[in-house]
Amino acid sequence: MHLRFIKKIKAEISIYDPIGVDKEGNEITLIDILGTHPEVVAEVVENRFEKKRLIEKIQHLTHREKKVLELRFGLNNGARKTQREIAKSLGISRSYVSRIEKKALNKLLHEFSLEGCQ
């Protein structure tokens, strides 16, 4: 009930926001009732947001750069491939895969550095 009320007045809810009090009058937060160690939950939530940011930045890459990074780091299905495997599947040399990967990672690094400056 309290979460619905807060959601109506706020666009985001923090897992550290108080949601009530216990029998002794101590504040209870959402992280307290999730049943997992607070650091683990915070890490999972942070990883999800970071992955979402990464996926948004990857949209600025060329089709080939996206494909190489998705295959190399398992971004779609979690299965990582070697540069040699990627080269074979795309019909290009391993060294070309390496150059594409390096260029794409530099573009992403640049995108994230621009974001940090804002």
C-alpha atoms as a PDB file:
ATOM      1  CA  MET A   1       0.000   0.000   0.000  1.00  0.00           C
ATOM      2  CA  HIS A   2       2.729   2.422   1.011  1.00  0.00           C
ATOM      3  CA  LEU A   3       4.680   1.633  -2.178  1.00  0.00           C
ATOM      4  CA  ARG A   4       1.664   2.418  -4.356  1.00  0.00           C
ATOM      5  CA  PHE A   5       1.209   5.739  -2.559  1.00  0.00           C
ATOM      6  CA  ILE A   6       4.872   6.649  -3.034  1.00  0.00           C
ATOM      7  CA  LYS A   7       4.789   5.543  -6.670  1.00  0.00           C
ATOM      8  CA  LYS A   8       1.962   7.985  -7.354  1.00  0.00           C
ATOM      9  CA  ILE A   9       3.997  10.917  -6.049  1.00  0.00           C
ATOM     10  CA  LYS A  10       7.429   9.776  -7.280  1.00  0.00           C
ATOM     11  CA  ALA A  11       8.580   8.422 -10.631  1.00  0.00           C
ATOM     12  CA  GLU A  12      11.274   6.270  -9.008  1.00  0.00           C
ATOM     13  CA  ILE A  13      11.440   4.280  -5.799  1.00  0.00           C
ATOM     14  CA  SER A  14      14.741   3.639  -4.097  1.00  0.00           C
ATOM     15  CA  ILE A  15      15.348   0.288  -2.446  1.00  0.00           C
ATOM     16  CA  TYR A  16      16.587   2.321   0.521  1.00  0.00           C
ATOM     17  CA  ASP A  17      13.392   4.390   0.942  1.00  0.00           C
ATOM     18  CA  PRO A  18      11.539   3.740   4.189  1.00  0.00           C
ATOM     19  CA  ILE A  19       8.322   1.764   3.703  1.00  0.00           C
ATOM     20  CA  GLY A  20       7.170   1.472   7.286  1.00  0.00           C
ATOM     21  CA  VAL A  21       8.230   0.693  10.852  1.00  0.00           C
ATOM     22  CA  ASP A  22       8.684  -2.568  12.737  1.00  0.00           C
ATOM     23  CA  LYS A  23       7.323  -3.477  16.225  1.00  0.00           C
ATOM     24  CA  GLU A  24      10.154  -1.625  17.967  1.00  0.00           C
ATOM     25  CA  GLY A  25       9.613   1.529  15.909  1.00  0.00           C
ATOM     26  CA  ASN A  26      12.636   1.045  13.620  1.00  0.00           C
ATOM     27  CA  GLU A  27      12.290   2.129  10.011  1.00  0.00           C
ATOM     28  CA  ILE A  28      11.961  -0.688   7.480  1.00  0.00           C
ATOM     29  CA  THR A  29      13.266  -0.216   3.961  1.00  0.00           C
ATOM     30  CA  LEU A  30      12.516  -2.240   0.864  1.00  0.00           C
ATOM     31  CA  ILE A  31      16.028  -3.714   0.968  1.00  0.00           C
ATOM     32  CA  ASP A  32      15.303  -5.055   4.470  1.00  0.00           C
ATOM     33  CA  ILE A  33      12.386  -7.191   3.304  1.00  0.00           C
ATOM     34  CA  LEU A  34      13.845  -8.512   0.051  1.00  0.00           C
ATOM     35  CA  GLY A  35      15.412 -11.429   1.929  1.00  0.00           C
ATOM     36  CA  THR A  36      18.871 -11.099   0.440  1.00  0.00           C
ATOM     37  CA  HIS A  37      21.986  -9.432   1.757  1.00  0.00           C
ATOM     38  CA  PRO A  38      21.704  -5.685   0.927  1.00  0.00           C
ATOM     39  CA  GLU A  39      24.995  -5.551  -0.992  1.00  0.00           C
ATOM     40  CA  VAL A  40      23.908  -8.412  -3.273  1.00  0.00           C
ATOM     41  CA  VAL A  41      20.591  -6.771  -4.124  1.00  0.00           C
ATOM     42  CA  ALA A  42      22.228  -3.400  -4.723  1.00  0.00           C
ATOM     43  CA  GLU A  43      24.808  -5.016  -7.004  1.00  0.00           C
ATOM     44  CA  VAL A  44      22.153  -6.818  -9.047  1.00  0.00           C
ATOM     45  CA  VAL A  45      20.107  -3.634  -9.454  1.00  0.00           C
ATOM     46  CA  GLU A  46      23.196  -1.622 -10.382  1.00  0.00           C
ATOM     47  CA  ASN A  47      24.288  -4.238 -12.931  1.00  0.00           C
ATOM     48  CA  ARG A  48      20.877  -4.115 -14.606  1.00  0.00           C
ATOM     49  CA  PHE A  49      21.032  -0.329 -14.931  1.00  0.00           C
ATOM     50  CA  GLU A  50      24.602  -0.484 -16.237  1.00  0.00           C
ATOM     51  CA  LYS A  51      23.626  -3.089 -18.834  1.00  0.00           C
ATOM     52  CA  LYS A  52      20.707  -0.912 -19.915  1.00  0.00           C
ATOM     53  CA  ARG A  53      23.055   2.081 -20.312  1.00  0.00           C
ATOM     54  CA  LEU A  54      25.467  -0.055 -22.318  1.00  0.00           C
ATOM     55  CA  ILE A  55      22.712  -1.304 -24.646  1.00  0.00           C
ATOM     56  CA  GLU A  56      21.632   2.309 -25.250  1.00  0.00           C
ATOM     57  CA  LYS A  57      25.200   3.328 -26.121  1.00  0.00           C
ATOM     58  CA  ILE A  58      25.675   0.332 -28.414  1.00  0.00           C
ATOM     59  CA  GLN A  59      22.833   1.669 -30.581  1.00  0.00           C
ATOM     60  CA  HIS A  60      25.234   4.429 -31.731  1.00  0.00           C
ATOM     61  CA  LEU A  61      27.576   1.861 -33.319  1.00  0.00           C
ATOM     62  CA  THR A  62      27.465   0.542 -36.875  1.00  0.00           C
ATOM     63  CA  HIS A  63      25.694  -2.748 -37.544  1.00  0.00           C
ATOM     64  CA  ARG A  64      28.998  -4.627 -37.892  1.00  0.00           C
ATOM     65  CA  GLU A  65      30.437  -3.107 -34.689  1.00  0.00           C
ATOM     66  CA  LYS A  66      27.274  -4.064 -32.773  1.00  0.00           C
ATOM     67  CA  LYS A  67      27.389  -7.594 -34.147  1.00  0.00           C
ATOM     68  CA  VAL A  68      31.054  -8.084 -33.195  1.00  0.00           C
ATOM     69  CA  LEU A  69      30.527  -6.807 -29.632  1.00  0.00           C
ATOM     70  CA  GLU A  70      27.351  -8.846 -29.159  1.00  0.00           C
ATOM     71  CA  LEU A  71      29.124 -12.018 -30.243  1.00  0.00           C
ATOM     72  CA  ARG A  72      32.398 -11.261 -28.456  1.00  0.00           C
ATOM     73  CA  PHE A  73      30.848 -10.445 -25.075  1.00  0.00           C
ATOM     74  CA  GLY A  74      27.650 -12.515 -25.247  1.00  0.00           C
ATOM     75  CA  LEU A  75      25.337  -9.523 -24.959  1.00  0.00           C
ATOM     76  CA  ASN A  76      22.294 -11.235 -26.462  1.00  0.00           C
ATOM     77  CA  ASN A  77      22.364 -14.804 -25.235  1.00  0.00           C
ATOM     78  CA  GLY A  78      25.334 -14.870 -22.865  1.00  0.00           C
ATOM     79  CA  ALA A  79      27.447 -17.088 -25.159  1.00  0.00           C
ATOM     80  CA  ARG A  80      30.829 -15.440 -25.743  1.00  0.00           C
ATOM     81  CA  LYS A  81      32.791 -16.184 -28.888  1.00  0.00           C
ATOM     82  CA  THR A  82      36.456 -15.848 -29.702  1.00  0.00           C
ATOM     83  CA  GLN A  83      37.675 -13.451 -32.357  1.00  0.00           C
ATOM     84  CA  ARG A  84      38.500 -16.482 -34.512  1.00  0.00           C
ATOM     85  CA  GLU A  85      34.926 -17.827 -34.217  1.00  0.00           C
ATOM     86  CA  ILE A  86      33.477 -14.407 -35.043  1.00  0.00           C
ATOM     87  CA  ALA A  87      35.776 -14.044 -38.035  1.00  0.00           C
ATOM     88  CA  LYS A  88      34.690 -17.417 -39.382  1.00  0.00           C
ATOM     89  CA  SER A  89      30.959 -16.669 -38.941  1.00  0.00           C
ATOM     90  CA  LEU A  90      31.254 -13.219 -40.576  1.00  0.00           C
ATOM     91  CA  GLY A  91      33.655 -14.325 -43.309  1.00  0.00           C
ATOM     92  CA  ILE A  92      36.402 -11.855 -42.360  1.00  0.00           C
ATOM     93  CA  SER A  93      39.891 -12.168 -40.876  1.00  0.00           C
ATOM     94  CA  ARG A  94      40.558 -12.423 -37.149  1.00  0.00           C
ATOM     95  CA  SER A  95      42.704  -9.288 -37.280  1.00  0.00           C
ATOM     96  CA  TYR A  96      39.802  -7.383 -38.875  1.00  0.00           C
ATOM     97  CA  VAL A  97      37.516  -8.551 -36.057  1.00  0.00           C
ATOM     98  CA  SER A  98      40.137  -7.261 -33.619  1.00  0.00           C
ATOM     99  CA  ARG A  99      40.212  -3.848 -35.330  1.00  0.00           C
ATOM    100  CA  ILE A 100      36.402  -3.621 -35.378  1.00  0.00           C
ATOM    101  CA  GLU A 101      36.240  -4.584 -31.699  1.00  0.00           C
ATOM    102  CA  LYS A 102      38.882  -2.029 -30.720  1.00  0.00           C
ATOM    103  CA  LYS A 103      37.191   0.748 -32.728  1.00  0.00           C
ATOM    104  CA  ALA A 104      33.767  -0.064 -31.229  1.00  0.00           C
ATOM    105  CA  LEU A 105      35.122  -0.141 -27.672  1.00  0.00           C
ATOM    106  CA  ASN A 106      36.827   3.217 -28.218  1.00  0.00           C
ATOM    107  CA  LYS A 107      33.536   4.670 -29.482  1.00  0.00           C
ATOM    108  CA  LEU A 108      31.742   3.353 -26.382  1.00  0.00           C
ATOM    109  CA  LEU A 109      34.445   4.756 -24.130  1.00  0.00           C
ATOM    110  CA  HIS A 110      34.008   8.114 -25.827  1.00  0.00           C
ATOM    111  CA  GLU A 111      30.212   7.961 -25.426  1.00  0.00           C
ATOM    112  CA  PHE A 112      30.521   7.198 -21.712  1.00  0.00           C
ATOM    113  CA  SER A 113      33.097   9.940 -21.190  1.00  0.00           C
ATOM    114  CA  LEU A 114      30.759  12.446 -22.858  1.00  0.00           C
ATOM    115  CA  GLU A 115      27.972  11.300 -20.558  1.00  0.00           C
ATOM    116  CA  GLY A 116      30.200  11.868 -17.527  1.00  0.00           C
ATOM    117  CA  CYS A 117      30.910  15.460 -18.604  1.00  0.00           C
ATOM    118  CA  GLN A 118      27.239  16.418 -18.631  1.00  0.00           C
END
